[in-house]
Amino acid sequence: MLFENFSIRSLFLNGPVGRLEALLNAGSPNATHAAVVCHPHPLFGGTLHNKVVFHTMKALQTFGFPVLRFNFRGAGLSEGEHAGGEGEVEDVCAALDWLEHEFTLPVIFAGFSFGASVGLRAAYADDRVRALIALGLPAVAVGDRVYDFDFLRTCTKPKLFVSGARDQFAPAGKPEALVATFADPKKLVRIEAGDHFFEGRLKELRIAIEQWTRETLTVS
């Protein structure tokens, strides 16, 4: 059964350096999982209202999962200042703590771009997280930012990677080579004609997330 139109709750999480602005899209009383979705780089306009983050939330809520989105420190109404990715890992841990307290359900982690690179570091070894979704994961250095995902070489949680075929941060061959180094189970989906932000291809993004979630978590 597919679910739609759950209520939205505005709240603040207790973060490591102050309150974190958040939205919870409520789920079914019989939900089998909860989810958290992390937004792209806050210094380049990324917030919990990002289109990719929103459509990821909608894809996961289709299955009745409660889905939490939050603003990293210094973004939106969240307190604190941007911490170069290090402190933001702690923000993700705070969100996982909140989900555990609120629902006590296995968690699906999803993140877009910066949110994926930061959130994966928090989620890959956390026993509360059962599956990982990375959207627009940088497969090359971006400016002076070099990304290291070696920790996924031994991570045996189910993993979905979705990138646009025209993503400038994941050029042809690079995500394929990167994902090949990661432990199974894993799946890489390339969205044809999609750029880093999946502009004009958000429907295909949602379909990829829904299909993988249905197959991987055996939900209907």
Protein backbone atom coordinates (compact mmCIF):
# COMPACT_ATOMS: atom_id res chain seq x y z
CA MET A 1 0.00 0.00 0.00
CA LEU A 2 1.26 3.49 -0.87
CA PHE A 3 0.80 6.39 1.51
CA GLU A 4 0.45 10.12 0.86
CA ASN A 5 -0.38 13.40 2.58
CA PHE A 6 0.83 12.88 6.13
CA SER A 7 1.02 15.84 8.48
CA ILE A 8 4.16 17.97 8.86
CA ARG A 9 5.58 18.93 12.24
CA SER A 10 8.01 21.80 12.77
CA LEU A 11 10.47 21.29 15.62
CA PHE A 12 13.98 21.86 16.94
CA LEU A 13 16.47 19.10 17.75
CA ASN A 14 19.02 19.38 20.54
CA GLY A 15 22.25 19.63 18.55
CA PRO A 16 25.84 19.53 19.80
CA VAL A 17 26.22 23.33 19.56
CA GLY A 18 22.61 24.45 19.87
CA ARG A 19 19.18 23.88 18.42
CA LEU A 20 18.77 22.43 14.93
CA GLU A 21 15.74 23.47 12.91
CA ALA A 22 13.83 20.44 11.61
CA LEU A 23 10.69 19.23 9.88
CA LEU A 24 9.12 15.83 10.47
CA ASN A 25 6.81 14.43 7.84
CA ALA A 26 4.73 12.02 9.88
CA GLY A 27 4.34 8.40 8.85
CA SER A 28 1.97 5.51 9.29
CA PRO A 29 1.31 4.16 12.81
CA ASN A 30 2.48 0.81 11.39
CA ALA A 31 5.68 2.16 9.84
CA THR A 32 8.48 -0.38 9.52
CA HIS A 33 11.28 2.19 9.26
CA ALA A 34 12.03 5.84 9.92
CA ALA A 35 14.25 8.00 7.72
CA VAL A 36 16.47 11.05 7.83
CA VAL A 37 17.40 13.13 4.78
CA CYS A 38 20.39 15.52 4.81
CA HIS A 39 20.69 18.62 2.66
CA PRO A 40 23.49 19.89 0.39
CA HIS A 41 26.23 22.36 1.28
CA PRO A 42 24.87 25.19 3.46
CA LEU A 43 27.48 27.68 2.25
CA PHE A 44 26.04 27.34 -1.25
CA GLY A 45 22.39 27.70 -0.31
CA GLY A 46 21.65 24.16 0.84
CA THR A 47 18.80 23.77 3.34
CA LEU A 48 16.18 21.23 4.32
CA HIS A 49 13.89 22.82 1.70
CA ASN A 50 16.15 21.79 -1.20
CA LYS A 51 14.19 20.18 -4.07
CA VAL A 52 16.21 16.97 -4.09
CA VAL A 53 15.81 16.64 -0.32
CA PHE A 54 12.06 17.25 -0.62
CA HIS A 55 11.56 14.69 -3.38
CA THR A 56 13.66 12.14 -1.48
CA MET A 57 11.43 12.67 1.54
CA LYS A 58 8.34 12.15 -0.62
CA ALA A 59 9.76 8.95 -2.12
CA LEU A 60 10.42 7.47 1.33
CA GLN A 61 7.13 8.69 2.78
CA THR A 62 5.37 6.77 0.03
CA PHE A 63 5.95 3.68 2.18
CA GLY A 64 4.52 5.25 5.31
CA PHE A 65 7.91 6.04 6.86
CA PRO A 66 8.21 9.10 9.10
CA VAL A 67 10.92 11.26 7.51
CA LEU A 68 13.04 13.83 9.33
CA ARG A 69 14.76 16.73 7.55
CA PHE A 70 16.90 19.21 9.45
CA ASN A 71 19.17 22.16 8.84
CA PHE A 72 22.84 21.70 9.65
CA ARG A 73 24.36 24.10 12.17
CA GLY A 74 24.35 27.66 10.88
CA ALA A 75 21.73 26.99 8.17
CA GLY A 76 18.21 28.42 8.36
CA LEU A 77 17.20 28.79 12.00
CA SER A 78 19.77 26.27 13.26
CA GLU A 79 22.21 27.62 15.80
CA GLY A 80 25.99 27.45 15.52
CA GLU A 81 28.30 27.98 12.57
CA HIS A 82 29.36 25.85 9.63
CA ALA A 83 32.11 23.47 10.75
CA GLY A 84 33.61 22.28 7.49
CA GLY A 85 31.86 18.91 7.64
CA GLU A 86 33.39 17.69 10.89
CA GLY A 87 30.80 19.17 13.23
CA GLU A 88 28.04 18.33 10.79
CA VAL A 89 28.72 14.63 11.33
CA GLU A 90 27.75 15.24 14.96
CA ASP A 91 24.56 16.98 13.78
CA VAL A 92 23.57 13.82 11.91
CA CYS A 93 24.20 11.77 15.04
CA ALA A 94 21.90 14.12 16.96
CA ALA A 95 19.19 13.54 14.36
CA LEU A 96 19.62 9.76 14.69
CA ASP A 97 19.36 10.07 18.47
CA TRP A 98 16.10 12.00 18.09
CA LEU A 99 14.63 9.42 15.71
CA GLU A 100 15.55 6.61 18.10
CA HIS A 101 13.87 8.37 21.01
CA GLU A 102 10.79 9.24 18.98
CA PHE A 103 10.19 6.00 17.06
CA THR A 104 12.58 3.16 18.03
CA LEU A 105 12.52 1.98 14.40
CA PRO A 106 15.34 0.95 12.07
CA VAL A 107 16.50 3.99 10.12
CA ILE A 108 17.14 4.69 6.45
CA PHE A 109 19.76 7.36 5.92
CA ALA A 110 19.59 9.52 2.80
CA GLY A 111 21.70 12.52 1.87
CA PHE A 112 22.30 14.75 -1.12
CA SER A 113 25.78 15.98 -2.12
CA PHE A 114 27.42 17.47 1.00
CA GLY A 115 24.64 15.88 3.05
CA ALA A 116 25.55 12.48 1.63
CA SER A 117 29.29 12.84 2.21
CA VAL A 118 28.80 14.01 5.80
CA GLY A 119 25.88 11.77 6.69
CA LEU A 120 27.46 8.57 5.40
CA ARG A 121 30.29 9.09 7.87
CA ALA A 122 27.81 9.22 10.72
CA ALA A 123 25.50 6.45 9.51
CA TYR A 124 27.68 3.71 8.03
CA ALA A 125 28.73 2.20 11.37
CA ASP A 126 25.63 3.14 13.38
CA ASP A 127 23.63 0.00 14.18
CA ARG A 128 20.40 1.98 14.16
CA VAL A 129 20.83 2.65 10.43
CA ARG A 130 19.91 -0.27 8.19
CA ALA A 131 20.28 1.22 4.70
CA LEU A 132 22.13 4.09 3.02
CA ILE A 133 21.07 6.33 0.12
CA ALA A 134 23.58 8.77 -1.39
CA LEU A 135 22.40 11.21 -4.06
CA GLY A 136 24.81 13.29 -6.10
CA LEU A 137 27.76 11.91 -4.16
CA PRO A 138 30.92 13.78 -5.23
CA ALA A 139 33.23 11.39 -7.05
CA VAL A 140 36.00 13.92 -7.65
CA ALA A 141 37.57 16.73 -5.63
CA VAL A 142 35.43 19.87 -5.52
CA GLY A 143 37.65 22.93 -5.25
CA ASP A 144 39.84 22.35 -2.22
CA ARG A 145 37.48 19.70 -0.83
CA VAL A 146 38.75 16.12 -1.29
CA TYR A 147 36.29 13.37 -0.40
CA ASP A 148 37.33 10.03 1.09
CA PHE A 149 34.82 7.18 1.21
CA ASP A 150 37.19 4.33 2.03
CA PHE A 151 35.03 3.45 5.04
CA LEU A 152 32.41 2.07 2.63
CA ARG A 153 34.83 -0.62 1.47
CA THR A 154 33.80 -2.72 4.47
CA CYS A 155 30.24 -1.46 4.99
CA THR A 156 27.83 -4.31 4.23
CA LYS A 157 24.63 -2.34 4.67
CA PRO A 158 22.46 -1.99 1.54
CA LYS A 159 23.58 1.09 -0.38
CA LEU A 160 21.98 3.07 -3.21
CA PHE A 161 23.90 5.69 -5.17
CA VAL A 162 22.09 7.94 -7.63
CA SER A 163 23.89 10.48 -9.85
CA GLY A 164 22.95 12.48 -12.89
CA ALA A 165 24.75 11.38 -16.05
CA ARG A 166 25.80 15.03 -16.51
CA ASP A 167 26.76 15.68 -12.90
CA GLN A 168 29.91 17.81 -13.01
CA PHE A 169 31.02 16.34 -9.69
CA ALA A 170 30.54 12.76 -10.90
CA PRO A 171 31.82 12.68 -14.50
CA ALA A 172 31.52 9.59 -16.68
CA GLY A 173 33.31 6.59 -15.22
CA LYS A 174 34.14 8.19 -11.88
CA PRO A 175 31.14 7.08 -9.80
CA GLU A 176 31.27 3.64 -11.38
CA ALA A 177 34.93 3.25 -10.36
CA LEU A 178 34.24 4.62 -6.89
CA VAL A 179 31.21 2.45 -6.16
CA ALA A 180 33.07 -0.62 -7.46
CA THR A 181 35.40 -0.31 -4.46
CA PHE A 182 32.55 -0.46 -1.94
CA ALA A 183 31.33 -3.62 -0.24
CA ASP A 184 28.15 -5.32 -1.43
CA PRO A 185 25.20 -4.97 -1.44
CA LYS A 186 25.16 -1.80 -3.51
CA LYS A 187 23.48 -0.28 -6.53
CA LEU A 188 24.41 2.67 -8.73
CA VAL A 189 21.77 4.43 -10.82
CA ARG A 190 22.74 7.06 -13.39
CA ILE A 191 19.89 9.37 -14.39
CA GLU A 192 20.21 10.16 -18.09
CA ALA A 193 20.58 13.88 -18.85
CA GLY A 194 20.50 14.67 -15.13
CA ASP A 195 22.85 17.29 -13.71
CA HIS A 196 24.08 17.52 -10.11
CA PHE A 197 20.70 18.87 -8.96
CA PHE A 198 18.64 16.46 -11.10
CA GLU A 199 17.02 19.48 -12.75
CA GLY A 200 14.08 18.25 -14.81
CA ARG A 201 14.77 14.69 -13.65
CA LEU A 202 13.29 14.68 -10.13
CA LYS A 203 10.59 12.21 -11.16
CA GLU A 204 13.26 9.73 -12.27
CA LEU A 205 15.09 10.28 -9.01
CA ARG A 206 11.98 9.44 -6.99
CA ILE A 207 11.32 6.34 -9.06
CA ALA A 208 14.89 5.11 -8.50
CA ILE A 209 14.59 5.58 -4.73
CA GLU A 210 11.15 3.95 -4.56
CA GLN A 211 12.14 0.92 -6.63
CA TRP A 212 15.29 0.29 -4.62
CA THR A 213 13.50 0.75 -1.30
CA ARG A 214 10.75 -1.65 -2.32
CA GLU A 215 13.24 -4.28 -3.49
CA THR A 216 15.77 -3.86 -0.69
CA LEU A 217 13.53 -3.50 2.35
CA THR A 218 10.74 -5.75 1.05
CA VAL A 219 8.05 -3.15 1.59
CA SER A 220 4.91 -2.61 -0.47
